[in-house]
Structures are given as structure tokens and as C-alpha cells.
N, C-alpha and C. Protein backbone atom coordinates (compact mmCIF):
# COMPACT_ATOMS: atom_id res chain seq x y z
N MET A 1 -8.88 -9.25 33.85
CA MET A 1 -7.91 -8.04 33.70
C MET A 1 -6.88 -8.72 32.55
N ARG A 2 -6.43 -7.63 31.64
CA ARG A 2 -5.66 -8.04 30.61
C ARG A 2 -4.28 -7.53 30.71
N HIS A 3 -3.65 -7.61 31.91
CA HIS A 3 -2.27 -7.22 32.12
C HIS A 3 -1.36 -7.94 31.39
N LYS A 4 -0.43 -7.13 30.66
CA LYS A 4 0.66 -7.87 29.93
C LYS A 4 0.14 -8.62 28.69
N LYS A 5 -1.11 -8.40 28.29
CA LYS A 5 -1.71 -8.97 27.13
C LYS A 5 -1.95 -7.97 25.98
N SER A 6 -0.93 -7.78 25.09
CA SER A 6 -1.01 -6.76 23.97
C SER A 6 -1.65 -7.34 22.79
N GLY A 7 -2.06 -6.45 21.84
CA GLY A 7 -2.60 -6.98 20.59
C GLY A 7 -4.02 -6.88 20.57
N TYR A 8 -4.65 -7.15 19.37
CA TYR A 8 -6.08 -7.05 19.10
C TYR A 8 -6.52 -8.34 18.96
N LYS A 9 -7.63 -8.70 19.70
CA LYS A 9 -8.14 -10.07 19.43
C LYS A 9 -9.30 -9.99 18.32
N LEU A 10 -10.04 -9.02 18.16
CA LEU A 10 -10.96 -8.76 17.05
C LEU A 10 -12.06 -9.88 17.14
N LYS A 11 -12.27 -10.50 18.16
CA LYS A 11 -13.40 -11.44 18.39
C LYS A 11 -13.07 -12.60 17.67
N ARG A 12 -11.88 -13.13 17.42
CA ARG A 12 -11.55 -14.15 16.59
C ARG A 12 -10.65 -15.23 17.32
N ASN A 13 -10.69 -16.45 16.86
CA ASN A 13 -9.73 -17.35 17.48
C ASN A 13 -8.35 -17.13 16.80
N ILE A 14 -7.20 -17.70 17.23
CA ILE A 14 -5.91 -17.47 16.91
C ILE A 14 -5.77 -17.69 15.36
N GLY A 15 -6.31 -18.84 14.81
CA GLY A 15 -6.18 -19.27 13.42
C GLY A 15 -6.82 -18.17 12.53
N ALA A 16 -8.02 -17.83 12.82
CA ALA A 16 -8.80 -16.90 12.02
C ALA A 16 -8.08 -15.50 12.05
N ARG A 17 -7.62 -15.10 13.23
CA ARG A 17 -6.84 -13.71 13.25
C ARG A 17 -5.70 -13.74 12.47
N LYS A 18 -4.83 -14.86 12.52
CA LYS A 18 -3.66 -14.91 11.67
C LYS A 18 -3.92 -14.77 10.18
N ALA A 19 -4.94 -15.60 9.80
CA ALA A 19 -5.42 -15.66 8.28
C ALA A 19 -5.92 -14.16 7.99
N LEU A 20 -6.65 -13.56 8.87
CA LEU A 20 -7.08 -12.23 8.56
C LEU A 20 -5.90 -11.22 8.31
N PHE A 21 -4.93 -11.25 9.34
CA PHE A 21 -3.75 -10.40 9.25
C PHE A 21 -2.97 -10.69 8.00
N LYS A 22 -2.79 -11.95 7.63
CA LYS A 22 -2.06 -12.34 6.42
C LYS A 22 -2.64 -11.71 5.23
N GLY A 23 -3.87 -11.89 5.12
CA GLY A 23 -4.68 -11.44 3.91
C GLY A 23 -4.67 -9.92 3.99
N LEU A 24 -4.78 -9.19 4.86
CA LEU A 24 -4.82 -7.79 4.91
C LEU A 24 -3.33 -7.24 4.61
N VAL A 25 -2.36 -7.72 5.09
CA VAL A 25 -0.92 -7.32 4.94
C VAL A 25 -0.67 -7.53 3.37
N THR A 26 -1.04 -8.72 2.87
CA THR A 26 -0.73 -9.06 1.39
C THR A 26 -1.53 -8.07 0.56
N SER A 27 -2.71 -7.75 0.95
CA SER A 27 -3.65 -6.87 -0.01
C SER A 27 -2.92 -5.45 0.03
N ILE A 28 -2.50 -4.94 1.22
CA ILE A 28 -1.94 -3.66 1.36
C ILE A 28 -0.63 -3.49 0.57
N ILE A 29 0.13 -4.66 0.58
CA ILE A 29 1.40 -4.51 -0.12
C ILE A 29 1.18 -4.65 -1.71
N GLU A 30 0.12 -5.35 -2.15
CA GLU A 30 -0.17 -5.49 -3.48
C GLU A 30 -0.93 -4.23 -4.16
N HIS A 31 -1.91 -3.72 -3.32
CA HIS A 31 -2.74 -2.57 -3.93
C HIS A 31 -2.31 -1.29 -3.25
N GLU A 32 -1.54 -1.25 -2.33
CA GLU A 32 -0.89 -0.09 -1.57
C GLU A 32 -1.96 0.77 -0.79
N ARG A 33 -3.28 0.31 -0.83
CA ARG A 33 -4.33 0.69 0.09
C ARG A 33 -5.51 -0.14 0.19
N VAL A 34 -6.05 -0.11 1.41
CA VAL A 34 -7.10 -1.14 1.67
C VAL A 34 -8.18 -0.33 2.40
N VAL A 35 -9.40 -0.59 2.27
CA VAL A 35 -10.38 0.02 3.14
C VAL A 35 -10.92 -1.23 4.10
N THR A 36 -10.89 -0.84 5.44
CA THR A 36 -11.40 -1.90 6.39
C THR A 36 -11.98 -1.11 7.55
N THR A 37 -12.19 -1.88 8.50
CA THR A 37 -12.64 -1.14 9.86
C THR A 37 -11.49 -0.67 10.61
N VAL A 38 -11.79 0.28 11.49
CA VAL A 38 -10.71 0.90 12.25
C VAL A 38 -9.97 -0.01 13.11
N PRO A 39 -10.50 -0.86 13.98
CA PRO A 39 -9.74 -1.79 14.79
C PRO A 39 -8.84 -2.72 14.00
N LYS A 40 -9.34 -3.30 12.84
CA LYS A 40 -8.55 -4.06 11.96
C LYS A 40 -7.28 -3.15 11.28
N ALA A 41 -7.60 -2.00 10.91
CA ALA A 41 -6.52 -1.01 10.51
C ALA A 41 -5.54 -0.76 11.44
N LYS A 42 -5.81 -0.55 12.73
CA LYS A 42 -4.98 -0.40 13.76
C LYS A 42 -4.15 -1.67 14.02
N ALA A 43 -4.77 -2.79 14.01
CA ALA A 43 -4.09 -4.11 14.30
C ALA A 43 -3.13 -4.47 13.21
N VAL A 44 -3.43 -4.14 11.86
CA VAL A 44 -2.54 -4.56 10.79
C VAL A 44 -1.44 -3.67 10.52
N ARG A 45 -1.56 -2.50 11.06
CA ARG A 45 -0.47 -1.40 10.69
C ARG A 45 0.90 -1.81 11.20
N PRO A 46 1.15 -2.24 12.34
CA PRO A 46 2.56 -2.62 12.74
C PRO A 46 3.07 -3.84 11.85
N LEU A 47 2.22 -4.74 11.52
CA LEU A 47 2.71 -5.97 10.73
C LEU A 47 3.11 -5.40 9.30
N VAL A 48 2.46 -4.35 8.53
CA VAL A 48 2.99 -3.90 7.39
C VAL A 48 4.23 -3.23 7.67
N GLU A 49 4.37 -2.65 8.72
CA GLU A 49 5.60 -1.86 9.01
C GLU A 49 6.81 -2.74 9.16
N LYS A 50 6.58 -3.84 9.79
CA LYS A 50 7.61 -4.96 9.93
C LYS A 50 8.07 -5.52 8.62
N MET A 51 6.89 -5.85 7.66
CA MET A 51 7.27 -6.36 6.45
C MET A 51 8.27 -5.40 5.50
N ILE A 52 7.89 -4.05 5.72
CA ILE A 52 8.72 -3.17 4.89
C ILE A 52 10.12 -3.16 5.51
N THR A 53 10.19 -3.12 6.73
CA THR A 53 11.59 -3.09 7.54
C THR A 53 12.35 -4.41 7.11
N LEU A 54 11.71 -5.52 6.85
CA LEU A 54 12.36 -6.68 6.34
C LEU A 54 12.90 -6.46 4.94
N ALA A 55 12.05 -5.83 4.06
CA ALA A 55 12.29 -5.56 2.75
C ALA A 55 13.57 -4.63 2.49
N LYS A 56 13.75 -3.78 3.64
CA LYS A 56 14.89 -2.63 3.47
C LYS A 56 16.19 -3.59 3.80
N ARG A 57 16.13 -4.59 4.49
CA ARG A 57 17.42 -5.18 4.73
C ARG A 57 17.84 -6.07 3.55
N ASP A 58 16.73 -6.82 3.06
CA ASP A 58 16.89 -7.62 1.81
C ASP A 58 17.94 -8.67 1.84
N THR A 59 17.85 -9.61 2.66
CA THR A 59 18.82 -10.74 2.78
C THR A 59 17.92 -11.85 2.41
N LEU A 60 18.63 -13.09 2.14
CA LEU A 60 17.79 -14.37 2.16
C LEU A 60 16.97 -14.60 3.04
N HIS A 61 17.60 -14.34 4.40
CA HIS A 61 16.82 -14.70 5.58
C HIS A 61 15.47 -13.81 5.73
N THR A 62 15.66 -12.57 5.39
CA THR A 62 14.54 -11.65 5.50
C THR A 62 13.44 -12.09 4.35
N ARG A 63 13.94 -12.47 3.24
CA ARG A 63 13.02 -12.89 2.11
C ARG A 63 12.16 -14.06 2.62
N ARG A 64 12.87 -15.00 3.23
CA ARG A 64 12.12 -16.27 3.73
C ARG A 64 11.08 -15.91 4.83
N GLN A 65 11.52 -14.89 5.64
CA GLN A 65 10.63 -14.59 6.74
C GLN A 65 9.49 -13.90 6.18
N ALA A 66 9.51 -13.12 5.24
CA ALA A 66 8.39 -12.39 4.57
C ALA A 66 7.64 -13.35 3.78
N ALA A 67 8.29 -14.22 3.24
CA ALA A 67 7.48 -15.35 2.35
C ALA A 67 6.69 -16.20 3.11
N ALA A 68 7.23 -16.38 4.36
CA ALA A 68 6.26 -17.18 5.36
C ALA A 68 5.07 -16.52 5.80
N PHE A 69 4.99 -15.15 5.69
CA PHE A 69 3.87 -14.49 6.14
C PHE A 69 3.03 -14.03 4.93
N LEU A 70 3.62 -13.65 3.85
CA LEU A 70 2.77 -13.17 2.78
C LEU A 70 2.16 -14.38 2.04
N GLU A 71 1.01 -14.07 1.45
CA GLU A 71 0.25 -15.16 0.86
C GLU A 71 0.52 -15.34 -0.73
N THR A 72 1.15 -14.37 -1.43
CA THR A 72 1.27 -14.55 -2.86
C THR A 72 2.75 -14.12 -3.05
N PRO A 73 3.41 -14.88 -4.22
CA PRO A 73 4.65 -14.47 -4.63
C PRO A 73 4.80 -13.10 -5.27
N ALA A 74 3.74 -12.56 -5.88
CA ALA A 74 3.63 -11.28 -6.26
C ALA A 74 3.82 -10.13 -5.28
N ALA A 75 3.22 -10.39 -4.11
CA ALA A 75 3.42 -9.49 -3.08
C ALA A 75 4.84 -9.51 -2.60
N LEU A 76 5.37 -10.69 -2.39
CA LEU A 76 6.86 -10.73 -2.03
C LEU A 76 7.66 -10.04 -3.15
N LYS A 77 7.45 -10.23 -4.27
CA LYS A 77 8.43 -9.49 -5.27
C LYS A 77 8.06 -8.12 -5.23
N LYS A 78 6.98 -7.62 -5.16
CA LYS A 78 6.82 -6.06 -5.20
C LYS A 78 7.41 -5.55 -3.80
N LEU A 79 7.27 -6.35 -2.65
CA LEU A 79 7.68 -5.81 -1.35
C LEU A 79 9.25 -5.56 -1.45
N PHE A 80 10.08 -6.52 -1.99
CA PHE A 80 11.39 -6.44 -1.95
C PHE A 80 11.94 -5.52 -3.22
N ASP A 81 11.23 -5.67 -4.41
CA ASP A 81 11.85 -4.82 -5.46
C ASP A 81 11.44 -3.37 -5.51
N LYS A 82 10.13 -3.14 -5.15
CA LYS A 82 9.74 -1.79 -5.22
C LYS A 82 9.66 -1.08 -3.84
N LEU A 83 9.06 -1.68 -2.87
CA LEU A 83 8.68 -0.92 -1.55
C LEU A 83 9.96 -0.95 -0.71
N GLY A 84 10.82 -1.90 -0.75
CA GLY A 84 12.06 -1.90 0.09
C GLY A 84 12.99 -0.67 -0.41
N THR A 85 13.06 -0.51 -1.74
CA THR A 85 13.90 0.69 -2.32
C THR A 85 13.12 2.08 -1.97
N ARG A 86 11.80 2.05 -2.20
CA ARG A 86 11.07 3.26 -2.09
C ARG A 86 11.32 3.88 -0.60
N PHE A 87 11.19 2.90 0.48
CA PHE A 87 11.24 3.42 1.73
C PHE A 87 12.67 3.25 2.37
N GLY A 88 13.71 3.13 1.61
CA GLY A 88 15.09 2.92 1.91
C GLY A 88 15.67 3.90 2.93
N GLN A 89 15.27 5.21 2.63
CA GLN A 89 15.83 6.32 3.38
C GLN A 89 14.85 6.73 4.59
N ARG A 90 13.79 6.07 4.66
CA ARG A 90 12.73 6.53 5.63
C ARG A 90 12.94 5.64 6.72
N ASN A 91 12.92 6.27 8.12
CA ASN A 91 12.89 5.35 9.33
C ASN A 91 11.54 5.19 9.93
N GLY A 92 10.89 4.38 9.48
CA GLY A 92 9.49 4.02 10.09
C GLY A 92 8.40 4.98 9.53
N GLY A 93 7.18 4.72 9.96
CA GLY A 93 6.03 5.52 9.36
C GLY A 93 5.82 5.24 7.98
N TYR A 94 5.71 4.06 7.62
CA TYR A 94 5.52 3.65 6.25
C TYR A 94 4.07 3.68 5.94
N THR A 95 3.05 3.62 6.95
CA THR A 95 1.67 3.50 6.56
C THR A 95 0.93 4.69 7.21
N ARG A 96 -0.35 4.81 6.64
CA ARG A 96 -1.08 5.94 7.20
C ARG A 96 -2.66 5.32 7.39
N VAL A 97 -3.18 5.67 8.43
CA VAL A 97 -4.66 5.31 8.59
C VAL A 97 -5.48 6.45 8.51
N VAL A 98 -6.39 6.55 7.58
CA VAL A 98 -7.28 7.45 7.23
C VAL A 98 -8.77 7.21 7.69
N ARG A 99 -9.40 7.83 8.67
CA ARG A 99 -10.87 7.37 8.88
C ARG A 99 -11.72 8.01 7.81
N LEU A 100 -12.64 7.07 7.30
CA LEU A 100 -13.60 7.50 6.27
C LEU A 100 -14.98 7.62 6.64
N GLY A 101 -15.35 7.36 7.90
CA GLY A 101 -16.82 7.58 8.26
C GLY A 101 -17.34 6.13 8.43
N ASN A 102 -18.62 6.18 8.69
CA ASN A 102 -19.34 4.78 8.96
C ASN A 102 -19.95 4.12 7.75
N ARG A 103 -19.80 2.78 7.75
CA ARG A 103 -20.21 2.08 6.74
C ARG A 103 -21.84 2.03 6.67
N LYS A 104 -22.40 2.04 5.46
CA LYS A 104 -23.91 2.09 5.27
C LYS A 104 -24.71 0.98 6.07
N GLY A 105 -24.17 -0.31 5.79
CA GLY A 105 -24.98 -1.48 6.10
C GLY A 105 -25.03 -1.55 7.74
N ASP A 106 -23.89 -1.63 8.41
CA ASP A 106 -23.95 -1.90 9.88
C ASP A 106 -23.41 -0.68 10.72
N GLY A 107 -23.04 0.39 10.15
CA GLY A 107 -22.48 1.60 10.84
C GLY A 107 -21.14 1.38 11.49
N ALA A 108 -20.42 0.40 10.96
CA ALA A 108 -19.03 0.23 11.50
C ALA A 108 -18.29 1.38 10.98
N GLU A 109 -17.19 1.98 11.80
CA GLU A 109 -16.42 2.96 11.23
C GLU A 109 -15.35 2.43 10.29
N GLN A 110 -15.22 3.01 9.21
CA GLN A 110 -14.32 2.53 8.16
C GLN A 110 -13.00 3.42 8.10
N ALA A 111 -12.03 2.75 7.86
CA ALA A 111 -10.68 3.43 7.71
C ALA A 111 -9.93 2.91 6.55
N MET A 112 -9.05 3.77 5.89
CA MET A 112 -8.17 3.38 4.90
C MET A 112 -6.73 3.22 5.29
N VAL A 113 -6.25 2.14 4.97
CA VAL A 113 -4.74 1.98 5.46
C VAL A 113 -3.96 2.05 4.08
N GLU A 114 -3.04 2.99 3.92
CA GLU A 114 -2.28 3.19 2.75
C GLU A 114 -0.79 3.37 2.99
N LEU A 115 -0.08 3.15 2.02
CA LEU A 115 1.44 3.26 2.15
C LEU A 115 1.57 4.72 1.80
N VAL A 116 2.57 5.38 2.62
CA VAL A 116 2.69 6.81 2.53
C VAL A 116 3.13 7.37 1.20
N GLY A 117 3.98 6.79 0.56
CA GLY A 117 4.37 7.34 -0.76
C GLY A 117 3.47 7.07 -1.91
N SER A 118 2.41 6.30 -1.73
CA SER A 118 1.59 5.72 -2.85
C SER A 118 0.87 6.82 -3.51
N GLU A 119 0.39 7.78 -2.87
CA GLU A 119 -0.34 8.91 -3.52
C GLU A 119 0.55 9.79 -4.30
N LEU A 120 1.75 9.72 -3.96
CA LEU A 120 2.82 10.68 -4.60
C LEU A 120 3.13 9.93 -5.98
N VAL A 121 3.36 8.77 -5.90
CA VAL A 121 3.68 7.79 -7.22
C VAL A 121 2.52 7.87 -8.13
N LYS A 122 1.30 7.87 -7.66
CA LYS A 122 0.06 7.79 -8.58
C LYS A 122 -0.17 9.31 -9.10
N ARG A 123 0.19 10.29 -8.18
CA ARG A 123 0.01 11.67 -8.78
C ARG A 123 0.94 11.98 -9.79
N ALA A 124 2.25 11.59 -9.58
CA ALA A 124 3.31 11.84 -10.52
C ALA A 124 3.13 11.09 -11.78
N ALA A 125 2.63 9.85 -11.78
CA ALA A 125 2.29 9.13 -13.00
C ALA A 125 1.12 9.91 -13.74
N GLU A 126 0.01 10.37 -13.03
CA GLU A 126 -0.97 11.11 -13.77
C GLU A 126 -0.53 12.27 -14.30
N ARG A 127 0.34 12.96 -13.68
CA ARG A 127 0.91 14.26 -14.11
C ARG A 127 1.68 14.19 -15.38
N ALA A 128 2.57 12.97 -15.38
CA ALA A 128 3.30 12.60 -16.52
C ALA A 128 2.44 12.45 -17.77
N LYS A 129 1.34 11.73 -17.49
CA LYS A 129 0.55 11.34 -18.57
C LYS A 129 -0.29 12.49 -19.09
N ARG A 130 -0.57 13.43 -18.22
CA ARG A 130 -1.27 14.64 -18.79
C ARG A 130 -0.27 15.59 -19.51
N ARG A 131 0.95 15.57 -19.12
CA ARG A 131 1.95 16.40 -19.77
C ARG A 131 2.35 15.80 -21.14
N GLU A 132 2.28 14.47 -21.23
CA GLU A 132 2.47 13.80 -22.50
C GLU A 132 1.29 14.03 -23.43
N GLU A 133 0.07 13.95 -22.92
CA GLU A 133 -1.05 14.43 -23.75
C GLU A 133 -0.99 15.79 -24.18
N ARG A 134 -0.66 16.65 -23.43
CA ARG A 134 -0.54 18.13 -23.91
C ARG A 134 0.55 18.35 -24.89
N LEU A 135 1.64 17.68 -24.81
CA LEU A 135 2.76 17.73 -25.87
C LEU A 135 2.20 17.14 -27.07
N ASN A 136 1.64 16.03 -27.05
CA ASN A 136 1.04 15.40 -28.32
C ASN A 136 0.03 16.29 -29.01
N ALA A 137 -0.74 17.00 -28.18
CA ALA A 137 -1.82 17.87 -28.83
C ALA A 137 -1.18 19.16 -29.52
N MET A 138 -0.10 19.53 -28.67
CA MET A 138 0.61 20.80 -29.26
C MET A 138 1.27 20.25 -30.67
N ARG A 139 1.89 19.19 -30.56
CA ARG A 139 2.60 18.69 -31.93
C ARG A 139 1.59 18.56 -33.02
N GLN A 140 0.46 17.89 -32.70
CA GLN A 140 -0.59 17.76 -33.75
C GLN A 140 -1.10 19.23 -34.32
N GLY A 141 -1.22 20.12 -33.29
CA GLY A 141 -1.74 21.38 -33.76
C GLY A 141 -0.74 22.13 -34.51
N LYS A 142 0.49 21.94 -34.23
CA LYS A 142 1.58 22.58 -35.14
C LYS A 142 1.59 21.96 -36.55
N GLN A 143 1.45 20.70 -36.50
CA GLN A 143 1.61 19.99 -37.73
C GLN A 143 0.35 20.26 -38.74
N GLU A 144 -0.93 20.55 -38.02
CA GLU A 144 -2.06 20.93 -38.83
C GLU A 144 -1.97 22.35 -39.21
N GLY A 145 -1.29 23.12 -38.48
CA GLY A 145 -1.17 24.59 -38.66
C GLY A 145 -0.11 24.93 -39.73
N GLU A 146 0.84 24.10 -40.04
CA GLU A 146 1.92 24.10 -40.84
C GLU A 146 1.57 23.64 -42.30
N GLU A 147 0.54 24.19 -43.09
CA GLU A 147 0.32 23.83 -44.43
C GLU A 147 1.33 24.45 -45.35
N PRO A 148 1.74 23.71 -46.29
CA PRO A 148 2.76 24.33 -47.32
C PRO A 148 2.03 25.50 -48.05
N GLU A 149 2.91 26.51 -48.07
CA GLU A 149 2.44 27.73 -48.87
C GLU A 149 2.94 27.68 -50.30
N GLU A 150 1.88 28.04 -51.25
CA GLU A 150 2.29 28.06 -52.54
C GLU A 150 2.44 29.23 -53.26
């Protein structure tokens, strides 16, 4: 019986499990979305939420706590510079787990773990890019249409 034994073992020993979680959390922070299996996604979700909560406080102590867990300095910088400010007004619920169906090779159920605001940021960037392209096309169309009359 597993009374009072919380967490996911994922059929790994403690060292492999810690390494897996550190890698997944670092990847989610760097890329803002990761495709993995459903049990791994459910296991890593609270860890990502804790990292973002640390980033919202942004003290030297919280930076050192996050640096002890994250694998790359780039992830640490992004966590505190971008994600901490992005989720500053939000009280929890920073991640989303979306089920994607079964993997072709072994039939394992796949899930995507993503940060909640990431699709809005990407959509806004794409929208701004399209708007800029339309404006440039309109400007060039006006310039070509305005030939000097003699």
C-alpha cells in the first residue's frame, strides 16, 4: 500500500527521476511547450508552476533556488526576465496539459505541456508581422501607382 506516498515514480530510481524532471522543466521554460507522455506531463506540471512562482518573487534567494534546479543559464534568465513578469498578475495555473493521442511506435498516450500565455504571444507576433507585410505592400502599391503626370 502507498499510504502517504505522493508523487510519480515513473518506473525510475530517484536519480533518473530527478534528471528527467530537471530536463523537462528546463525544456518547458526554454521552448514554452514540450510533447511528452501523459504521466510525465502530469508529474512535471507542479514543478514548472513552482519555478514560475519563484520567478514572481525575484530575490537572490529565489534565483539561487531556481538555478539549483534548472540546467541552463539561458532558462534561468528567461524564467526571471520574461516569465516572471508575464505571470506577475496571475495566481497559479501557469501551465496547460493537452492530450494529443497515441504515439505511433508504442501506442503511449502523448500530451503537450505548454505555458498558458505562449500561444497568445506567438499569435500576437504573427499578427504584427502580417500587419507589417500588408502595410509594406500597400505602400509599394501606392508608390508604383503614383507615376508623375506630364
